[in-house]
Amino acid sequence: MLSEDTTRSQEIKTLLFENGFSNTELGLAIIDLKEKESKIFGYNMDHFMYPASVYKIFVGAEVLRRVEIGDFSLDQTIAVTSPNDVDRDPKLFPGRSRKLLTVGEEITIEYLLDLMLSESDNTASNMLIDLVGRESINENIIDRYDWKGSGVTRKFLDRSKEDTKYRWSETTMTCARHVAEFFYLVESEKLISPFVSKKLKEYMMRWNRQGNRPLSLSEYTLGYHKGGYLENNYYAPFYRSYYKKAGFAIDYAAKDFFKLAKTILTKGWAFIRWVNDAGVVEGDHSHYVIAFFSVSKQLSPRKRFPTEKLAKVVYDYMEEKNK
């Protein structure tokens, strides 16, 4: 959709390598909103990666499009149904004041949109995907803006419980370019319409996931954003009790140890973490869209992707460019 500023892409690549990001699986896209004719630039912008919860922006856009044309209303209620009720552990939502959704509850579409985009609620996301349908999201949002390859899927749902046609579908993917362009359109109030853009911005300005704000720096004002986080830890079973009514602890320990050892020997890692974020940033001199996706595969779960360092590198670069 936007043409690339290859000069600035090379500058960003150089900065990333100088700051130790050369060995990281990373996709980064930036759009300078201070320019009269905005262009996109970054590093590995078209590298498709697992988006975690960032994909929910596409769901929100289609729900709001359907609201605007009269298919639904924001105050319309729908019942929470199984197997969509996948969020059951409050510990996964630190700082959350609202209770988790349960089967049978009657919830307004507005409340579901707010939960999905401000607290990344997965049950709300699954409900809204079912409401509008994946084909509608693909046709009216993803295909409309030529974001081929990006997609959506219901979160944390056993494939055996999925709709038949999606039980063997590929993992959901997106890239930094597509997500950056999405936020560019929202900020320009051109994502479908001013109504859709303004409502998306309104929900995302309420982002509230304590301990999960990787783009936040004291130097700038973060306008709004949508984050995504997921980790697979093959050490995790050893943190838990192995007592099971169906068997003995040693049986479970042996099985998990074999799985851990096999993963290390065949893949060279035992822990994988996806940390993604995208949003609109304002500084003293800068105003820009940033979208980044990262995946870290390692032996130790203690090592974390330096998201604040990345945000600082980009921020300093953008401030200097716009002085």
Protein backbone atom coordinates (compact mmCIF):
# COMPACT_ATOMS: atom_id res chain seq x y z
CA MET A 1 0.00 0.00 0.00
CA LEU A 2 2.77 2.47 0.93
CA SER A 3 6.02 2.66 -1.01
CA GLU A 4 9.26 1.96 0.81
CA ASP A 5 11.86 4.54 1.74
CA THR A 6 14.88 2.32 1.03
CA THR A 7 17.38 4.87 2.35
CA ARG A 8 15.76 4.96 5.75
CA SER A 9 15.36 1.18 5.75
CA GLN A 10 19.12 0.87 5.36
CA GLU A 11 19.64 3.37 8.18
CA ILE A 12 17.36 1.35 10.48
CA LYS A 13 19.11 -1.89 9.55
CA THR A 14 22.48 -0.34 10.38
CA LEU A 15 21.17 0.93 13.73
CA LEU A 16 19.75 -2.48 14.63
CA PHE A 17 23.01 -4.24 13.83
CA GLU A 18 25.03 -1.66 15.75
CA ASN A 19 22.81 -2.25 18.79
CA GLY A 20 23.05 -6.03 18.84
CA PHE A 21 19.87 -7.07 17.01
CA SER A 22 21.61 -8.81 14.09
CA ASN A 23 21.05 -12.31 15.50
CA THR A 24 17.41 -11.76 16.40
CA GLU A 25 14.42 -12.98 14.39
CA LEU A 26 12.75 -9.61 14.09
CA GLY A 27 10.38 -7.71 11.83
CA LEU A 28 10.14 -3.94 12.17
CA ALA A 29 8.15 -1.34 10.22
CA ILE A 30 7.95 2.42 10.77
CA ILE A 31 5.88 5.15 9.12
CA ASP A 32 6.86 8.77 9.72
CA LEU A 33 3.63 10.71 10.15
CA LYS A 34 5.47 14.03 9.98
CA GLU A 35 6.11 13.58 6.26
CA LYS A 36 3.72 15.10 3.72
CA GLU A 37 3.77 11.86 1.72
CA SER A 38 4.35 9.07 4.19
CA LYS A 39 6.50 6.11 3.20
CA ILE A 40 7.21 2.92 5.08
CA PHE A 41 10.64 1.70 6.10
CA GLY A 42 12.19 -0.78 8.48
CA TYR A 43 13.82 -4.19 8.68
CA ASN A 44 12.36 -7.54 7.57
CA MET A 45 9.05 -5.75 7.06
CA ASP A 46 7.63 -8.56 4.94
CA HIS A 47 8.85 -11.38 7.17
CA PHE A 48 5.74 -13.27 8.32
CA MET A 49 5.65 -14.22 11.98
CA TYR A 50 3.15 -15.41 14.56
CA PRO A 51 1.35 -12.24 15.75
CA ALA A 52 -0.01 -13.51 19.08
CA SER A 53 -2.83 -11.12 20.02
CA VAL A 54 -1.95 -8.36 17.57
CA TYR A 55 -4.17 -10.02 14.96
CA LYS A 56 -7.21 -8.92 17.00
CA ILE A 57 -7.04 -5.51 15.34
CA PHE A 58 -8.33 -7.10 12.11
CA VAL A 59 -11.26 -8.65 14.01
CA GLY A 60 -12.16 -5.33 15.61
CA ALA A 61 -12.11 -3.55 12.26
CA GLU A 62 -14.56 -5.96 10.66
CA VAL A 63 -16.94 -5.96 13.64
CA LEU A 64 -17.07 -2.16 13.55
CA ARG A 65 -17.54 -2.15 9.77
CA ARG A 66 -20.56 -4.39 10.20
CA VAL A 67 -21.88 -2.19 12.99
CA GLU A 68 -21.61 0.88 10.77
CA ILE A 69 -23.59 -0.70 7.93
CA GLY A 70 -26.32 -1.83 10.33
CA ASP A 71 -25.71 -5.58 10.55
CA PHE A 72 -25.21 -5.26 14.31
CA SER A 73 -25.35 -2.57 16.98
CA LEU A 74 -22.84 -1.88 19.71
CA ASP A 75 -25.48 -2.34 22.42
CA GLN A 76 -26.64 -5.66 20.96
CA THR A 77 -26.05 -8.58 23.35
CA ILE A 78 -24.80 -12.06 22.53
CA ALA A 79 -24.33 -15.05 24.81
CA VAL A 80 -20.90 -16.44 25.63
CA THR A 81 -20.75 -20.00 24.29
CA SER A 82 -18.43 -22.97 24.55
CA PRO A 83 -15.78 -23.74 23.34
CA ASN A 84 -15.01 -20.03 22.98
CA ASP A 85 -14.59 -19.54 26.74
CA VAL A 86 -10.83 -20.09 26.72
CA ASP A 87 -9.76 -17.51 29.34
CA ARG A 88 -10.20 -19.18 32.70
CA ASP A 89 -7.16 -18.18 34.74
CA PRO A 90 -7.27 -14.60 36.15
CA LYS A 91 -3.49 -14.76 36.74
CA LEU A 92 -2.97 -14.39 32.99
CA PHE A 93 -4.45 -10.89 33.19
CA PRO A 94 -2.49 -8.99 35.86
CA GLY A 95 -4.06 -5.72 36.90
CA ARG A 96 -7.45 -6.62 35.43
CA SER A 97 -10.46 -5.42 37.41
CA ARG A 98 -13.18 -7.02 35.28
CA LYS A 99 -14.06 -10.67 35.80
CA LEU A 100 -13.47 -13.27 33.12
CA LEU A 101 -16.34 -14.15 30.82
CA THR A 102 -18.29 -17.36 31.48
CA VAL A 103 -20.59 -19.48 29.36
CA GLY A 104 -24.16 -18.20 29.28
CA GLU A 105 -23.40 -14.56 30.05
CA GLU A 106 -25.16 -12.01 27.86
CA ILE A 107 -22.56 -9.43 26.81
CA THR A 108 -22.85 -6.41 24.51
CA ILE A 109 -20.76 -6.24 21.36
CA GLU A 110 -19.27 -2.97 22.63
CA TYR A 111 -18.11 -4.67 25.83
CA LEU A 112 -16.56 -7.53 23.85
CA LEU A 113 -14.70 -5.08 21.58
CA ASP A 114 -13.39 -3.19 24.59
CA LEU A 115 -12.24 -6.38 26.32
CA MET A 116 -10.53 -7.65 23.18
CA LEU A 117 -8.68 -4.46 22.30
CA SER A 118 -7.99 -2.97 25.75
CA GLU A 119 -7.26 -6.16 27.71
CA SER A 120 -6.65 -8.68 24.92
CA ASP A 121 -9.38 -10.99 26.17
CA ASN A 122 -9.30 -14.21 24.14
CA THR A 123 -12.85 -15.32 24.89
CA ALA A 124 -14.11 -11.97 23.61
CA SER A 125 -11.97 -12.36 20.50
CA ASN A 126 -13.30 -15.84 19.77
CA MET A 127 -16.88 -14.65 20.20
CA LEU A 128 -16.40 -11.74 17.80
CA ILE A 129 -14.69 -13.93 15.18
CA ASP A 130 -17.70 -16.23 15.28
CA LEU A 131 -20.05 -13.26 15.07
CA VAL A 132 -18.70 -11.88 11.79
CA GLY A 133 -16.95 -14.96 10.36
CA ARG A 134 -13.36 -15.35 9.23
CA GLU A 135 -14.25 -15.14 5.57
CA SER A 136 -15.79 -11.73 6.15
CA ILE A 137 -12.68 -10.51 7.99
CA ASN A 138 -10.46 -11.74 5.18
CA GLU A 139 -12.59 -10.29 2.37
CA ASN A 140 -13.43 -6.91 3.86
CA ILE A 141 -10.29 -6.07 5.83
CA ILE A 142 -7.27 -8.17 4.87
CA ASP A 143 -7.95 -8.57 1.14
CA ARG A 144 -9.32 -5.04 0.81
CA TYR A 145 -5.93 -3.56 1.69
CA ASP A 146 -3.87 -6.26 -0.03
CA TRP A 147 -2.53 -7.71 3.21
CA LYS A 148 -2.24 -11.15 1.66
CA GLY A 149 -0.80 -13.72 4.06
CA SER A 150 -2.15 -12.12 7.22
CA GLY A 151 -5.01 -13.85 8.97
CA VAL A 152 -7.02 -14.53 12.12
CA THR A 153 -7.87 -17.58 14.15
CA ARG A 154 -9.65 -18.39 17.38
CA LYS A 155 -7.18 -18.35 20.28
CA PHE A 156 -6.23 -21.26 22.55
CA LEU A 157 -8.81 -23.57 21.06
CA ASP A 158 -8.10 -27.27 20.61
CA ARG A 159 -8.12 -28.00 16.88
CA SER A 160 -10.58 -30.86 17.42
CA LYS A 161 -13.11 -28.26 18.61
CA GLU A 162 -12.54 -25.94 15.66
CA ASP A 163 -14.89 -25.57 12.73
CA THR A 164 -14.20 -28.46 10.36
CA LYS A 165 -12.62 -26.36 7.58
CA TYR A 166 -10.14 -24.77 10.02
CA ARG A 167 -8.95 -27.86 11.90
CA TRP A 168 -5.95 -28.26 9.62
CA SER A 169 -5.37 -24.64 8.72
CA GLU A 170 -1.92 -23.12 8.98
CA THR A 171 -0.80 -21.06 11.96
CA THR A 172 -1.99 -17.46 11.90
CA MET A 173 0.68 -15.10 10.59
CA THR A 174 1.21 -11.45 9.79
CA CYS A 175 4.10 -9.10 9.09
CA ALA A 176 5.24 -5.72 10.36
CA ARG A 177 4.35 -3.98 7.08
CA HIS A 178 0.69 -5.00 7.20
CA VAL A 179 0.21 -4.02 10.82
CA ALA A 180 2.04 -0.69 10.43
CA GLU A 181 -0.17 0.15 7.44
CA PHE A 182 -3.23 -0.75 9.52
CA PHE A 183 -2.25 1.76 12.22
CA TYR A 184 -1.38 4.35 9.58
CA LEU A 185 -4.92 4.08 8.20
CA VAL A 186 -6.41 4.27 11.68
CA GLU A 187 -4.42 7.40 12.51
CA SER A 188 -5.45 8.91 9.15
CA GLU A 189 -9.08 7.92 9.84
CA LYS A 190 -9.10 5.99 6.56
CA LEU A 191 -9.37 2.43 7.90
CA ILE A 192 -12.76 1.66 6.34
CA SER A 193 -14.24 4.96 7.59
CA PRO A 194 -13.76 7.70 10.20
CA PHE A 195 -16.23 5.87 12.47
CA VAL A 196 -14.32 2.57 12.35
CA SER A 197 -10.95 4.28 12.75
CA LYS A 198 -12.02 6.45 15.66
CA LYS A 199 -13.62 3.55 17.55
CA LEU A 200 -10.54 1.33 17.10
CA LYS A 201 -8.37 4.15 18.39
CA GLU A 202 -10.71 4.70 21.34
CA TYR A 203 -10.51 1.07 22.46
CA MET A 204 -6.76 0.77 22.00
CA MET A 205 -6.10 3.94 23.96
CA ARG A 206 -7.43 2.02 26.98
CA TRP A 207 -4.79 -0.73 26.66
CA ASN A 208 -4.37 -2.16 30.16
CA ARG A 209 -2.10 -5.16 30.50
CA GLN A 210 0.06 -4.57 33.54
CA GLY A 211 3.67 -5.62 33.01
CA ASN A 212 3.19 -5.92 29.26
CA ARG A 213 3.90 -2.46 27.82
CA PRO A 214 7.09 -2.96 25.82
CA LEU A 215 6.73 0.18 23.71
CA SER A 216 6.40 2.51 26.69
CA LEU A 217 9.28 4.88 27.38
CA SER A 218 9.32 7.86 29.72
CA GLU A 219 10.52 10.12 26.90
CA TYR A 220 7.39 9.92 24.79
CA THR A 221 3.63 9.75 24.84
CA LEU A 222 2.29 6.47 23.52
CA GLY A 223 -0.91 7.34 21.73
CA TYR A 224 -2.42 3.86 21.46
CA HIS A 225 -1.25 0.37 20.65
CA LYS A 226 -1.98 -3.37 20.59
CA GLY A 227 0.47 -5.85 22.00
CA GLY A 228 0.85 -9.59 21.68
CA TYR A 229 2.74 -12.09 23.84
CA LEU A 230 3.04 -15.86 23.98
CA GLU A 231 5.58 -18.33 25.28
CA ASN A 232 6.05 -22.09 25.09
CA ASN A 233 8.16 -23.36 27.96
CA TYR A 234 9.21 -27.01 27.90
CA TYR A 235 10.53 -26.62 31.44
CA ALA A 236 7.06 -25.69 32.72
CA PRO A 237 5.92 -29.22 33.70
CA PHE A 238 8.79 -29.40 36.17
CA TYR A 239 7.45 -26.33 37.97
CA ARG A 240 4.15 -28.04 38.72
CA SER A 241 3.02 -30.93 40.86
CA TYR A 242 2.94 -34.23 39.03
CA TYR A 243 0.30 -35.88 41.18
CA LYS A 244 -2.49 -37.18 38.96
CA LYS A 245 -5.34 -39.50 39.85
CA ALA A 246 -4.73 -41.50 36.69
CA GLY A 247 -1.11 -42.40 37.43
CA PHE A 248 2.07 -41.87 39.34
CA ALA A 249 4.23 -38.77 39.43
CA ILE A 250 7.27 -40.55 38.00
CA ASP A 251 5.34 -41.43 34.83
CA TYR A 252 4.61 -37.79 34.09
CA ALA A 253 8.10 -36.64 35.02
CA ALA A 254 9.71 -39.19 32.71
CA LYS A 255 7.44 -38.26 29.81
CA ASP A 256 8.09 -34.54 30.20
CA PHE A 257 11.84 -35.04 30.63
CA PHE A 258 11.96 -37.06 27.40
CA LYS A 259 10.04 -34.32 25.56
CA LEU A 260 12.39 -31.65 26.94
CA ALA A 261 15.51 -33.61 26.02
CA LYS A 262 14.23 -34.36 22.51
CA THR A 263 13.42 -30.68 21.90
CA ILE A 264 16.88 -29.57 23.02
CA LEU A 265 18.66 -32.19 20.92
CA THR A 266 16.61 -31.70 17.75
CA LYS A 267 15.90 -27.96 17.88
CA GLY A 268 18.62 -26.57 20.10
CA TRP A 269 16.21 -24.74 22.39
CA ALA A 270 13.64 -25.47 25.09
CA PHE A 271 11.89 -22.14 25.39
CA ILE A 272 10.29 -19.93 22.76
CA ARG A 273 8.76 -16.51 23.32
CA TRP A 274 6.91 -14.17 20.94
CA VAL A 275 6.88 -10.48 21.91
CA ASN A 276 5.05 -8.17 19.51
CA ASP A 277 3.65 -4.67 19.62
CA ALA A 278 2.35 -1.97 17.32
CA GLY A 279 1.01 1.51 17.81
CA VAL A 280 1.32 5.24 17.31
CA VAL A 281 4.01 7.20 19.14
CA GLU A 282 4.38 10.92 19.74
CA GLY A 283 7.55 12.58 21.01
CA ASP A 284 8.84 16.12 21.30
CA HIS A 285 9.65 16.22 17.59
CA SER A 286 8.35 12.92 16.23
CA HIS A 287 5.02 11.31 15.38
CA TYR A 288 5.16 7.85 13.88
CA VAL A 289 3.71 4.37 13.55
CA ILE A 290 5.83 1.48 14.74
CA ALA A 291 5.15 -2.24 14.45
CA PHE A 292 7.56 -4.95 15.55
CA PHE A 293 7.42 -8.71 15.84
CA SER A 294 10.04 -10.84 17.53
CA VAL A 295 10.60 -14.46 18.43
CA SER A 296 13.30 -15.75 20.76
CA LYS A 297 14.28 -19.42 20.83
CA GLN A 298 16.66 -20.27 23.63
CA LEU A 299 17.71 -22.78 26.28
CA SER A 300 17.04 -20.42 29.19
CA PRO A 301 13.65 -18.79 29.84
CA ARG A 302 15.37 -15.97 31.73
CA LYS A 303 16.69 -14.23 28.63
CA ARG A 304 14.19 -11.67 27.33
CA PHE A 305 13.94 -9.77 24.09
CA PRO A 306 15.13 -6.17 24.78
CA THR A 307 11.93 -4.43 23.74
CA GLU A 308 12.61 -1.21 25.63
CA LYS A 309 16.03 -0.98 24.01
CA LEU A 310 14.47 -1.40 20.56
CA ALA A 311 11.85 1.25 21.32
CA LYS A 312 14.56 3.63 22.52
CA VAL A 313 16.75 3.10 19.44
CA VAL A 314 13.82 3.87 17.13
CA TYR A 315 12.64 6.81 19.22
CA ASP A 316 16.05 8.49 19.27
CA TYR A 317 16.39 7.98 15.52
CA MET A 318 12.95 9.48 14.82
CA GLU A 319 13.51 12.44 17.15
CA GLU A 320 16.83 13.25 15.45
CA LYS A 321 15.29 12.99 11.99
CA ASN A 322 12.50 15.44 12.81
CA LYS A 323 14.38 18.15 14.69
